[in-house]
Amino acid sequence: MYNITASSFFAGIGGTCLGFKQAGVNVIWANEYDKNACETYRNNIKSTKLIQEDIKNLDIDAIPKTDILIAGFPCQAFSIAGKKGGFNDERGKLFFNLLDIIKSKKNDVIFLENVKNLENHENGKTLNTILNCLKDAGYFVKYKVLNTMDYGNIPQNRERIYIVGFLKKESYEKFTFPKKVKLTKKINDLINLSEKKEDIFYYKKYKIYDKIKKEIIKHDTIYQWRRKYVRENKSKVCPTLTANMGTGGHNVPLILDDYDIRKLTPEECLMFQGFPKSFKFPKIVSKSEAYKQAGNSVSVPIIKKIAKNIVSAIS
């Protein structure tokens, strides 16, 4: 069935792997450091050999050579929501560990994903460093910022930068990023408002309940509590899901279902990332970890579209 292989780094719970698999690519090997993310990955993607290890400790010679290398290298060092330490942040430096592997394996294609802010970090110097490193390694490189709601037909406002590199100029010239599509899916297409969730998700026990009840009145909208006021996402899409949704604060997406005001469940967050309903968190993973995993993951439909165009370019 498959004839194009891929290896995955910083694989998380497997969103990038899943997107490439849906595009017909055989993801034979993956690497992730976080043990909880590995639990979720193994619970859902059983056909890929997953290595739980720090990328700095990997034996490069033991990594299989594949046609495509995919990597969602850590974004916290470049994110607006973080301290934006870039390459001064230990997580930012992990790109250079990945680069050593890229130089060694010389995969036909490399696919990288990160936060939109990478494009403007240090006035563009960080992105230029990455692009120049890839070009020096022999790759012809293209990149583009895509929003999930504009390119994936998923109602989440999520902008990410995607970098694709090819060893062959012919493949590079054939490759194009996906075109915009009309957003037809709505919030209520992903959330069953008539289904009662566990009590822990509802806000009646919170001190802010009386205040937010006056503002959260629509069933087709996602809201957020912004410390002192309620923010209504008038675009009728989900705000960008973040890794700290499970810790409370202003990043928690709130909805009004048929019972009361509540936050999105971790499973619903996965739906807003385009994961299939069959994708499940194992019981061993706590709800706070599940929120983190969903927020750290990728929009699967976007990955699938880019992967399909990569396959077309190298076939």
C-alpha atoms as a PDB file:
ATOM      1  CA  MET A   1       0.000   0.000   0.000  1.00  0.00           C
ATOM      2  CA  TYR A   2       2.808   2.395   0.899  1.00  0.00           C
ATOM      3  CA  ASN A   3       5.975   3.174  -1.009  1.00  0.00           C
ATOM      4  CA  ILE A   4       6.995   6.504   0.538  1.00  0.00           C
ATOM      5  CA  THR A   5       8.435   6.366   4.079  1.00  0.00           C
ATOM      6  CA  ALA A   6       8.813   8.986   6.771  1.00  0.00           C
ATOM      7  CA  SER A   7      10.457   9.465  10.156  1.00  0.00           C
ATOM      8  CA  SER A   8       9.072  11.898  12.718  1.00  0.00           C
ATOM      9  CA  PHE A   9      10.782  13.983  15.407  1.00  0.00           C
ATOM     10  CA  PHE A  10       9.150  15.851  18.299  1.00  0.00           C
ATOM     11  CA  ALA A  11       6.213  13.659  17.364  1.00  0.00           C
ATOM     12  CA  GLY A  12       3.992  14.612  20.308  1.00  0.00           C
ATOM     13  CA  ILE A  13       0.801  12.578  20.321  1.00  0.00           C
ATOM     14  CA  GLY A  14       1.168  11.879  16.620  1.00  0.00           C
ATOM     15  CA  GLY A  15      -0.762  14.620  14.821  1.00  0.00           C
ATOM     16  CA  THR A  16       1.856  15.134  12.117  1.00  0.00           C
ATOM     17  CA  CYS A  17       2.323  11.388  11.737  1.00  0.00           C
ATOM     18  CA  LEU A  18      -1.434  10.942  11.403  1.00  0.00           C
ATOM     19  CA  GLY A  19      -1.683  13.614   8.713  1.00  0.00           C
ATOM     20  CA  PHE A  20       1.099  12.027   6.680  1.00  0.00           C
ATOM     21  CA  LYS A  21      -0.429   8.576   7.129  1.00  0.00           C
ATOM     22  CA  GLN A  22      -3.751   9.902   5.847  1.00  0.00           C
ATOM     23  CA  ALA A  23      -1.871  11.140   2.777  1.00  0.00           C
ATOM     24  CA  GLY A  24      -0.586   7.627   2.090  1.00  0.00           C
ATOM     25  CA  VAL A  25       2.888   7.950   3.620  1.00  0.00           C
ATOM     26  CA  ASN A  26       4.258   5.109   5.739  1.00  0.00           C
ATOM     27  CA  VAL A  27       5.574   6.690   8.946  1.00  0.00           C
ATOM     28  CA  ILE A  28       7.864   3.888  10.106  1.00  0.00           C
ATOM     29  CA  TRP A  29       9.737   5.572  12.989  1.00  0.00           C
ATOM     30  CA  ALA A  30       9.067   8.398  15.443  1.00  0.00           C
ATOM     31  CA  ASN A  31      10.762  10.100  18.382  1.00  0.00           C
ATOM     32  CA  GLU A  32       9.206  11.927  21.338  1.00  0.00           C
ATOM     33  CA  TYR A  33      10.650  12.814  24.743  1.00  0.00           C
ATOM     34  CA  ASP A  34       7.495  13.410  26.808  1.00  0.00           C
ATOM     35  CA  LYS A  35       6.366  10.151  28.405  1.00  0.00           C
ATOM     36  CA  ASN A  36       2.702  11.185  28.634  1.00  0.00           C
ATOM     37  CA  ALA A  37       2.590  12.143  24.967  1.00  0.00           C
ATOM     38  CA  CYS A  38       4.164   8.776  24.168  1.00  0.00           C
ATOM     39  CA  GLU A  39       1.354   7.031  26.068  1.00  0.00           C
ATOM     40  CA  THR A  40      -1.249   8.763  23.900  1.00  0.00           C
ATOM     41  CA  TYR A  41       0.748   8.129  20.716  1.00  0.00           C
ATOM     42  CA  ARG A  42       1.072   4.404  21.388  1.00  0.00           C
ATOM     43  CA  ASN A  43      -2.599   4.187  22.316  1.00  0.00           C
ATOM     44  CA  ASN A  44      -3.582   5.364  18.839  1.00  0.00           C
ATOM     45  CA  ILE A  45      -0.755   4.817  16.345  1.00  0.00           C
ATOM     46  CA  LYS A  46       0.444   1.260  16.664  1.00  0.00           C
ATOM     47  CA  SER A  47       2.072   0.771  13.253  1.00  0.00           C
ATOM     48  CA  THR A  48       4.955   3.180  13.937  1.00  0.00           C
ATOM     49  CA  LYS A  49       8.025   2.394  16.027  1.00  0.00           C
ATOM     50  CA  LEU A  50       8.116   5.112  18.686  1.00  0.00           C
ATOM     51  CA  ILE A  51      11.347   5.898  20.536  1.00  0.00           C
ATOM     52  CA  GLN A  52      10.908   7.758  23.833  1.00  0.00           C
ATOM     53  CA  GLU A  53      14.165   9.677  24.208  1.00  0.00           C
ATOM     54  CA  ASP A  54      15.669  13.150  24.245  1.00  0.00           C
ATOM     55  CA  ILE A  55      16.723  14.011  20.684  1.00  0.00           C
ATOM     56  CA  LYS A  56      20.144  14.995  22.056  1.00  0.00           C
ATOM     57  CA  ASN A  57      20.702  11.389  23.145  1.00  0.00           C
ATOM     58  CA  LEU A  58      19.656   9.655  19.930  1.00  0.00           C
ATOM     59  CA  ASP A  59      22.149   7.465  18.084  1.00  0.00           C
ATOM     60  CA  ILE A  60      21.943   9.031  14.638  1.00  0.00           C
ATOM     61  CA  ASP A  61      23.280   5.877  12.988  1.00  0.00           C
ATOM     62  CA  ALA A  62      20.372   3.904  14.459  1.00  0.00           C
ATOM     63  CA  ILE A  63      17.756   6.228  12.945  1.00  0.00           C
ATOM     64  CA  PRO A  64      16.364   4.687   9.739  1.00  0.00           C
ATOM     65  CA  LYS A  65      16.821   6.551   6.459  1.00  0.00           C
ATOM     66  CA  THR A  66      13.420   7.554   5.104  1.00  0.00           C
ATOM     67  CA  ASP A  67      12.148   9.543   2.132  1.00  0.00           C
ATOM     68  CA  ILE A  68      10.656  12.272   4.331  1.00  0.00           C
ATOM     69  CA  LEU A  69      11.718  13.731   7.680  1.00  0.00           C
ATOM     70  CA  ILE A  70       8.936  15.473   9.585  1.00  0.00           C
ATOM     71  CA  ALA A  71       9.383  17.552  12.729  1.00  0.00           C
ATOM     72  CA  GLY A  72       7.298  19.944  14.801  1.00  0.00           C
ATOM     73  CA  PHE A  73      10.296  21.208  16.743  1.00  0.00           C
ATOM     74  CA  PRO A  74       9.526  22.952  20.063  1.00  0.00           C
ATOM     75  CA  CYS A  75       7.685  26.229  19.558  1.00  0.00           C
ATOM     76  CA  GLN A  76       7.722  27.688  23.072  1.00  0.00           C
ATOM     77  CA  ALA A  77      11.025  29.451  22.457  1.00  0.00           C
ATOM     78  CA  PHE A  78       9.450  31.438  19.597  1.00  0.00           C
ATOM     79  CA  SER A  79       5.851  31.812  20.771  1.00  0.00           C
ATOM     80  CA  ILE A  80       4.272  35.160  21.642  1.00  0.00           C
ATOM     81  CA  ALA A  81       2.711  33.377  24.608  1.00  0.00           C
ATOM     82  CA  GLY A  82       6.160  32.420  25.908  1.00  0.00           C
ATOM     83  CA  LYS A  83       9.292  34.391  26.706  1.00  0.00           C
ATOM     84  CA  LYS A  84      10.436  34.323  23.074  1.00  0.00           C
ATOM     85  CA  GLY A  85      13.945  33.268  24.008  1.00  0.00           C
ATOM     86  CA  GLY A  86      14.601  31.766  20.581  1.00  0.00           C
ATOM     87  CA  PHE A  87      17.976  30.100  20.216  1.00  0.00           C
ATOM     88  CA  ASN A  88      18.901  31.356  23.689  1.00  0.00           C
ATOM     89  CA  ASP A  89      16.232  29.017  25.031  1.00  0.00           C
ATOM     90  CA  GLU A  90      17.302  25.377  25.417  1.00  0.00           C
ATOM     91  CA  ARG A  91      14.168  24.339  23.531  1.00  0.00           C
ATOM     92  CA  GLY A  92      15.094  26.619  20.645  1.00  0.00           C
ATOM     93  CA  LYS A  93      18.556  25.075  20.455  1.00  0.00           C
ATOM     94  CA  LEU A  94      16.985  21.677  19.758  1.00  0.00           C
ATOM     95  CA  PHE A  95      16.643  22.756  16.130  1.00  0.00           C
ATOM     96  CA  PHE A  96      20.394  22.307  15.764  1.00  0.00           C
ATOM     97  CA  ASN A  97      20.184  18.747  17.081  1.00  0.00           C
ATOM     98  CA  LEU A  98      17.557  18.149  14.414  1.00  0.00           C
ATOM     99  CA  LEU A  99      19.817  19.778  11.837  1.00  0.00           C
ATOM    100  CA  ASP A 100      22.599  17.295  12.634  1.00  0.00           C
ATOM    101  CA  ILE A 101      20.174  14.473  11.821  1.00  0.00           C
ATOM    102  CA  ILE A 102      19.024  16.197   8.623  1.00  0.00           C
ATOM    103  CA  LYS A 103      22.607  16.591   7.456  1.00  0.00           C
ATOM    104  CA  SER A 104      23.372  12.963   8.245  1.00  0.00           C
ATOM    105  CA  LYS A 105      20.285  11.324   6.751  1.00  0.00           C
ATOM    106  CA  LYS A 106      19.813  13.544   3.693  1.00  0.00           C
ATOM    107  CA  ASN A 107      16.108  12.709   3.397  1.00  0.00           C
ATOM    108  CA  ASP A 108      14.602  13.644   0.030  1.00  0.00           C
ATOM    109  CA  VAL A 109      12.121  15.930   1.813  1.00  0.00           C
ATOM    110  CA  ILE A 110      12.005  17.727   5.148  1.00  0.00           C
ATOM    111  CA  PHE A 111       8.815  19.093   6.677  1.00  0.00           C
ATOM    112  CA  LEU A 112       8.917  21.449   9.677  1.00  0.00           C
ATOM    113  CA  GLU A 113       6.084  23.087  11.633  1.00  0.00           C
ATOM    114  CA  ASN A 114       6.168  25.869  14.210  1.00  0.00           C
ATOM    115  CA  VAL A 115       4.279  28.889  15.552  1.00  0.00           C
ATOM    116  CA  LYS A 116       3.543  31.831  13.285  1.00  0.00           C
ATOM    117  CA  ASN A 117       5.762  34.089  15.390  1.00  0.00           C
ATOM    118  CA  LEU A 118       8.835  32.222  14.158  1.00  0.00           C
ATOM    119  CA  GLU A 119       8.477  34.299  10.979  1.00  0.00           C
ATOM    120  CA  ASN A 120       9.004  37.588  12.859  1.00  0.00           C
ATOM    121  CA  HIS A 121      11.118  36.431  15.797  1.00  0.00           C
ATOM    122  CA  GLU A 122      14.179  38.690  16.193  1.00  0.00           C
ATOM    123  CA  ASN A 123      12.939  40.705  13.189  1.00  0.00           C
ATOM    124  CA  GLY A 124      13.112  37.635  10.969  1.00  0.00           C
ATOM    125  CA  LYS A 125      16.683  36.689  11.895  1.00  0.00           C
ATOM    126  CA  THR A 126      15.679  33.385  13.515  1.00  0.00           C
ATOM    127  CA  LEU A 127      13.744  32.173  10.472  1.00  0.00           C
ATOM    128  CA  ASN A 128      16.532  33.288   8.148  1.00  0.00           C
ATOM    129  CA  THR A 129      19.024  31.309  10.233  1.00  0.00           C
ATOM    130  CA  ILE A 130      16.855  28.192   9.930  1.00  0.00           C
ATOM    131  CA  LEU A 131      16.314  28.638   6.191  1.00  0.00           C
ATOM    132  CA  ASN A 132      20.014  29.269   5.548  1.00  0.00           C
ATOM    133  CA  CYS A 133      20.983  26.197   7.585  1.00  0.00           C
ATOM    134  CA  LEU A 134      18.635  24.060   5.491  1.00  0.00           C
ATOM    135  CA  LYS A 135      19.897  25.579   2.250  1.00  0.00           C
ATOM    136  CA  ASP A 136      23.502  24.950   3.335  1.00  0.00           C
ATOM    137  CA  ALA A 137      22.467  21.330   3.946  1.00  0.00           C
ATOM    138  CA  GLY A 138      21.480  21.112   0.282  1.00  0.00           C
ATOM    139  CA  TYR A 139      17.737  21.804   0.387  1.00  0.00           C
ATOM    140  CA  PHE A 140      15.541  24.022  -1.756  1.00  0.00           C
ATOM    141  CA  VAL A 141      13.114  25.520   0.741  1.00  0.00           C
ATOM    142  CA  LYS A 142       9.628  27.030   0.753  1.00  0.00           C
ATOM    143  CA  TYR A 143       7.586  28.221   3.714  1.00  0.00           C
ATOM    144  CA  LYS A 144       4.129  29.637   4.345  1.00  0.00           C
ATOM    145  CA  VAL A 145       1.884  30.621   7.254  1.00  0.00           C
ATOM    146  CA  LEU A 146      -1.469  28.821   7.078  1.00  0.00           C
ATOM    147  CA  ASN A 147      -4.522  29.305   9.277  1.00  0.00           C
ATOM    148  CA  THR A 148      -6.518  26.193  10.170  1.00  0.00           C
ATOM    149  CA  MET A 149      -9.849  27.914   9.539  1.00  0.00           C
ATOM    150  CA  ASP A 150      -8.758  29.110   6.089  1.00  0.00           C
ATOM    151  CA  TYR A 151      -7.024  25.985   4.817  1.00  0.00           C
ATOM    152  CA  GLY A 152      -8.339  23.061   6.873  1.00  0.00           C
ATOM    153  CA  ASN A 153     -12.095  23.669   7.045  1.00  0.00           C
ATOM    154  CA  ILE A 154     -11.887  23.408  10.826  1.00  0.00           C
ATOM    155  CA  PRO A 155     -13.340  26.289  12.908  1.00  0.00           C
ATOM    156  CA  GLN A 156     -10.197  27.135  14.870  1.00  0.00           C
ATOM    157  CA  ASN A 157      -8.211  30.349  14.461  1.00  0.00           C
ATOM    158  CA  ARG A 158      -4.756  28.758  14.443  1.00  0.00           C
ATOM    159  CA  GLU A 159      -1.873  30.181  12.424  1.00  0.00           C
ATOM    160  CA  ARG A 160       1.247  28.096  11.999  1.00  0.00           C
ATOM    161  CA  ILE A 161       4.318  28.313   9.803  1.00  0.00           C
ATOM    162  CA  TYR A 162       5.149  25.322   7.606  1.00  0.00           C
ATOM    163  CA  ILE A 163       8.589  24.842   6.069  1.00  0.00           C
ATOM    164  CA  VAL A 164       9.177  22.295   3.313  1.00  0.00           C
ATOM    165  CA  GLY A 165      12.560  21.483   1.792  1.00  0.00           C
ATOM    166  CA  PHE A 166      13.526  19.288  -1.164  1.00  0.00           C
ATOM    167  CA  LEU A 167      16.896  17.911  -2.221  1.00  0.00           C
ATOM    168  CA  LYS A 168      15.772  17.899  -5.850  1.00  0.00           C
ATOM    169  CA  LYS A 169      15.021  21.238  -7.464  1.00  0.00           C
ATOM    170  CA  GLU A 170      12.496  19.560  -9.757  1.00  0.00           C
ATOM    171  CA  SER A 171      10.409  18.437  -6.774  1.00  0.00           C
ATOM    172  CA  TYR A 172      10.776  21.850  -5.145  1.00  0.00           C
ATOM    173  CA  GLU A 173       9.401  23.520  -8.267  1.00  0.00           C
ATOM    174  CA  LYS A 174       6.468  21.090  -8.484  1.00  0.00           C
ATOM    175  CA  PHE A 175       5.434  21.578  -4.866  1.00  0.00           C
ATOM    176  CA  THR A 176       2.783  24.112  -3.905  1.00  0.00           C
ATOM    177  CA  PHE A 177       1.132  24.790  -0.582  1.00  0.00           C
ATOM    178  CA  PRO A 178      -2.602  24.044  -0.343  1.00  0.00           C
ATOM    179  CA  LYS A 179      -5.090  26.625  -1.546  1.00  0.00           C
ATOM    180  CA  LYS A 180      -7.617  28.329   0.677  1.00  0.00           C
ATOM    181  CA  VAL A 181     -10.962  26.596   1.145  1.00  0.00           C
ATOM    182  CA  LYS A 182     -14.316  27.894   2.329  1.00  0.00           C
ATOM    183  CA  LEU A 183     -14.995  27.277   6.003  1.00  0.00           C
ATOM    184  CA  THR A 184     -18.220  25.274   6.078  1.00  0.00           C
ATOM    185  CA  LYS A 185     -17.848  23.464   9.404  1.00  0.00           C
ATOM    186  CA  LYS A 186     -19.257  25.253  12.419  1.00  0.00           C
ATOM    187  CA  ILE A 187     -18.588  24.974  16.134  1.00  0.00           C
ATOM    188  CA  ASN A 188     -21.783  22.986  16.621  1.00  0.00           C
ATOM    189  CA  ASP A 189     -20.687  20.489  13.990  1.00  0.00           C
ATOM    190  CA  LEU A 190     -17.896  19.446  16.350  1.00  0.00           C
ATOM    191  CA  ILE A 191     -19.645  19.785  19.712  1.00  0.00           C
ATOM    192  CA  ASN A 192     -22.734  17.891  20.819  1.00  0.00           C
ATOM    193  CA  LEU A 193     -24.470  20.471  22.989  1.00  0.00           C
ATOM    194  CA  SER A 194     -27.171  18.034  24.085  1.00  0.00           C
ATOM    195  CA  GLU A 195     -24.669  15.625  25.660  1.00  0.00           C
ATOM    196  CA  LYS A 196     -24.136  16.134  29.390  1.00  0.00           C
ATOM    197  CA  LYS A 197     -20.470  16.121  30.339  1.00  0.00           C
ATOM    198  CA  GLU A 198     -18.815  15.361  33.679  1.00  0.00           C
ATOM    199  CA  ASP A 199     -19.522  17.911  36.408  1.00  0.00           C
ATOM    200  CA  ILE A 200     -15.850  18.920  36.570  1.00  0.00           C
ATOM    201  CA  PHE A 201     -16.187  20.725  33.234  1.00  0.00           C
ATOM    202  CA  TYR A 202     -19.039  23.008  34.351  1.00  0.00           C
ATOM    203  CA  TYR A 203     -18.472  26.440  35.886  1.00  0.00           C
ATOM    204  CA  LYS A 204     -21.364  26.742  38.350  1.00  0.00           C
ATOM    205  CA  LYS A 205     -18.966  26.120  41.248  1.00  0.00           C
ATOM    206  CA  TYR A 206     -16.619  28.947  40.189  1.00  0.00           C
ATOM    207  CA  LYS A 207     -16.686  32.408  41.823  1.00  0.00           C
ATOM    208  CA  ILE A 208     -16.958  34.065  38.413  1.00  0.00           C
ATOM    209  CA  TYR A 209     -20.089  32.111  37.479  1.00  0.00           C
ATOM    210  CA  ASP A 210     -22.621  34.872  38.188  1.00  0.00           C
ATOM    211  CA  LYS A 211     -20.579  37.282  36.115  1.00  0.00           C
ATOM    212  CA  ILE A 212     -20.018  35.066  33.105  1.00  0.00           C
ATOM    213  CA  LYS A 213     -23.622  33.836  33.074  1.00  0.00           C
ATOM    214  CA  LYS A 214     -24.739  37.325  32.046  1.00  0.00           C
ATOM    215  CA  GLU A 215     -22.354  37.313  29.085  1.00  0.00           C
ATOM    216  CA  ILE A 216     -22.251  33.728  27.863  1.00  0.00           C
ATOM    217  CA  ILE A 217     -25.659  33.428  26.226  1.00  0.00           C
ATOM    218  CA  LYS A 218     -25.100  31.986  22.741  1.00  0.00           C
ATOM    219  CA  HIS A 219     -24.898  28.295  21.874  1.00  0.00           C
ATOM    220  CA  ASP A 220     -22.918  28.750  18.652  1.00  0.00           C
ATOM    221  CA  THR A 221     -20.033  30.750  20.086  1.00  0.00           C
ATOM    222  CA  ILE A 222     -16.893  30.046  22.103  1.00  0.00           C
ATOM    223  CA  TYR A 223     -16.019  32.471  24.878  1.00  0.00           C
ATOM    224  CA  GLN A 224     -12.993  33.094  27.103  1.00  0.00           C
ATOM    225  CA  TRP A 225     -12.695  34.596  30.573  1.00  0.00           C
ATOM    226  CA  ARG A 226     -10.035  37.306  30.277  1.00  0.00           C
ATOM    227  CA  ARG A 227      -9.309  37.826  33.997  1.00  0.00           C
ATOM    228  CA  LYS A 228     -11.849  40.644  34.375  1.00  0.00           C
ATOM    229  CA  TYR A 229     -14.241  40.271  31.474  1.00  0.00           C
ATOM    230  CA  VAL A 230     -15.751  37.746  29.075  1.00  0.00           C
ATOM    231  CA  ARG A 231     -14.428  37.708  25.548  1.00  0.00           C
ATOM    232  CA  GLU A 232     -16.843  36.581  22.867  1.00  0.00           C
ATOM    233  CA  ASN A 233     -15.198  35.131  19.758  1.00  0.00           C
ATOM    234  CA  LYS A 234     -17.518  36.836  17.296  1.00  0.00           C
ATOM    235  CA  SER A 235     -15.957  35.132  14.306  1.00  0.00           C
ATOM    236  CA  LYS A 236     -17.797  31.969  15.407  1.00  0.00           C
ATOM    237  CA  VAL A 237     -14.584  29.927  15.520  1.00  0.00           C
ATOM    238  CA  CYS A 238     -12.539  28.476  18.350  1.00  0.00           C
ATOM    239  CA  PRO A 239      -9.614  30.629  19.531  1.00  0.00           C
ATOM    240  CA  THR A 240      -6.145  29.157  19.219  1.00  0.00           C
ATOM    241  CA  LEU A 241      -5.910  26.143  21.502  1.00  0.00           C
ATOM    242  CA  THR A 242      -2.967  26.364  23.889  1.00  0.00           C
ATOM    243  CA  ALA A 243      -0.967  23.961  26.013  1.00  0.00           C
ATOM    244  CA  ASN A 244      -2.024  25.609  29.289  1.00  0.00           C
ATOM    245  CA  MET A 245      -5.786  25.295  28.796  1.00  0.00           C
ATOM    246  CA  GLY A 246      -5.960  22.804  31.646  1.00  0.00           C
ATOM    247  CA  THR A 247      -4.408  25.185  34.152  1.00  0.00           C
ATOM    248  CA  GLY A 248      -7.247  27.704  34.117  1.00  0.00           C
ATOM    249  CA  GLY A 249      -6.831  31.412  33.409  1.00  0.00           C
ATOM    250  CA  HIS A 250      -7.808  33.273  30.268  1.00  0.00           C
ATOM    251  CA  ASN A 251      -6.946  30.581  27.719  1.00  0.00           C
ATOM    252  CA  VAL A 252      -9.814  28.257  28.606  1.00  0.00           C
ATOM    253  CA  PRO A 253     -12.421  28.020  25.798  1.00  0.00           C
ATOM    254  CA  LEU A 254     -15.944  28.209  27.285  1.00  0.00           C
ATOM    255  CA  ILE A 255     -19.272  27.202  25.748  1.00  0.00           C
ATOM    256  CA  LEU A 256     -22.927  27.150  26.703  1.00  0.00           C
ATOM    257  CA  ASP A 257     -24.423  23.711  26.158  1.00  0.00           C
ATOM    258  CA  ASP A 258     -27.975  22.575  26.864  1.00  0.00           C
ATOM    259  CA  TYR A 259     -27.142  22.206  30.562  1.00  0.00           C
ATOM    260  CA  ASP A 260     -24.886  25.096  31.558  1.00  0.00           C
ATOM    261  CA  ILE A 261     -21.613  26.924  30.950  1.00  0.00           C
ATOM    262  CA  ARG A 262     -18.587  24.676  30.686  1.00  0.00           C
ATOM    263  CA  LYS A 263     -15.147  24.448  29.180  1.00  0.00           C
ATOM    264  CA  LEU A 264     -14.293  22.323  26.182  1.00  0.00           C
ATOM    265  CA  THR A 265     -13.275  18.791  27.065  1.00  0.00           C
ATOM    266  CA  PRO A 266      -9.827  17.531  25.969  1.00  0.00           C
ATOM    267  CA  GLU A 267     -11.585  15.286  23.430  1.00  0.00           C
ATOM    268  CA  GLU A 268     -13.419  18.276  21.965  1.00  0.00           C
ATOM    269  CA  CYS A 269     -10.103  20.127  21.717  1.00  0.00           C
ATOM    270  CA  LEU A 270      -8.836  17.247  19.596  1.00  0.00           C
ATOM    271  CA  MET A 271     -11.884  17.652  17.351  1.00  0.00           C
ATOM    272  CA  PHE A 272     -10.917  21.303  16.838  1.00  0.00           C
ATOM    273  CA  GLN A 273      -7.496  20.034  15.735  1.00  0.00           C
ATOM    274  CA  GLY A 274      -9.134  17.775  13.158  1.00  0.00           C
ATOM    275  CA  PHE A 275      -8.362  14.468  14.860  1.00  0.00           C
ATOM    276  CA  PRO A 276     -10.766  11.602  14.137  1.00  0.00           C
ATOM    277  CA  LYS A 277     -13.277  10.587  16.833  1.00  0.00           C
ATOM    278  CA  SER A 278     -11.480   7.247  17.114  1.00  0.00           C
ATOM    279  CA  PHE A 279      -8.389   8.998  18.548  1.00  0.00           C
ATOM    280  CA  LYS A 280      -8.494   8.525  22.335  1.00  0.00           C
ATOM    281  CA  PHE A 281      -6.508   9.628  25.356  1.00  0.00           C
ATOM    282  CA  PRO A 282      -5.487   6.631  27.488  1.00  0.00           C
ATOM    283  CA  LYS A 283      -6.859   6.543  31.031  1.00  0.00           C
ATOM    284  CA  ILE A 284      -3.361   6.927  32.457  1.00  0.00           C
ATOM    285  CA  VAL A 285      -3.169  10.487  31.029  1.00  0.00           C
ATOM    286  CA  SER A 286      -4.630  13.145  33.343  1.00  0.00           C
ATOM    287  CA  LYS A 287      -7.062  15.755  32.043  1.00  0.00           C
ATOM    288  CA  SER A 288      -4.514  18.551  32.503  1.00  0.00           C
ATOM    289  CA  GLU A 289      -2.001  16.546  30.474  1.00  0.00           C
ATOM    290  CA  ALA A 290      -4.652  15.828  27.837  1.00  0.00           C
ATOM    291  CA  TYR A 291      -5.354  19.563  27.444  1.00  0.00           C
ATOM    292  CA  LYS A 292      -1.622  20.186  27.123  1.00  0.00           C
ATOM    293  CA  GLN A 293      -1.281  17.489  24.487  1.00  0.00           C
ATOM    294  CA  ALA A 294      -4.202  18.814  22.445  1.00  0.00           C
ATOM    295  CA  GLY A 295      -2.893  22.385  22.617  1.00  0.00           C
ATOM    296  CA  ASN A 296       0.633  21.329  21.655  1.00  0.00           C
ATOM    297  CA  SER A 297      -0.553  19.264  18.723  1.00  0.00           C
ATOM    298  CA  VAL A 298      -1.242  20.187  15.106  1.00  0.00           C
ATOM    299  CA  SER A 299      -4.244  20.576  12.848  1.00  0.00           C
ATOM    300  CA  VAL A 300      -4.321  17.203  11.136  1.00  0.00           C
ATOM    301  CA  PRO A 301      -6.224  18.281   7.970  1.00  0.00           C
ATOM    302  CA  ILE A 302      -3.585  20.927   7.211  1.00  0.00           C
ATOM    303  CA  ILE A 303      -0.787  18.368   7.615  1.00  0.00           C
ATOM    304  CA  LYS A 304      -2.641  15.910   5.362  1.00  0.00           C
ATOM    305  CA  LYS A 305      -3.046  18.502   2.593  1.00  0.00           C
ATOM    306  CA  ILE A 306       0.605  19.541   2.664  1.00  0.00           C
ATOM    307  CA  ALA A 307       1.687  15.881   2.798  1.00  0.00           C
ATOM    308  CA  LYS A 308      -0.436  15.060  -0.259  1.00  0.00           C
ATOM    309  CA  ASN A 309       1.221  17.884  -2.186  1.00  0.00           C
ATOM    310  CA  ILE A 310       4.654  16.641  -1.076  1.00  0.00           C
ATOM    311  CA  VAL A 311       3.820  13.146  -2.315  1.00  0.00           C
ATOM    312  CA  SER A 312       2.685  14.572  -5.648  1.00  0.00           C
ATOM    313  CA  ALA A 313       5.882  16.586  -5.984  1.00  0.00           C
ATOM    314  CA  ILE A 314       8.219  13.618  -5.433  1.00  0.00           C
ATOM    315  CA  SER A 315       6.188  10.904  -7.194  1.00  0.00           C
END
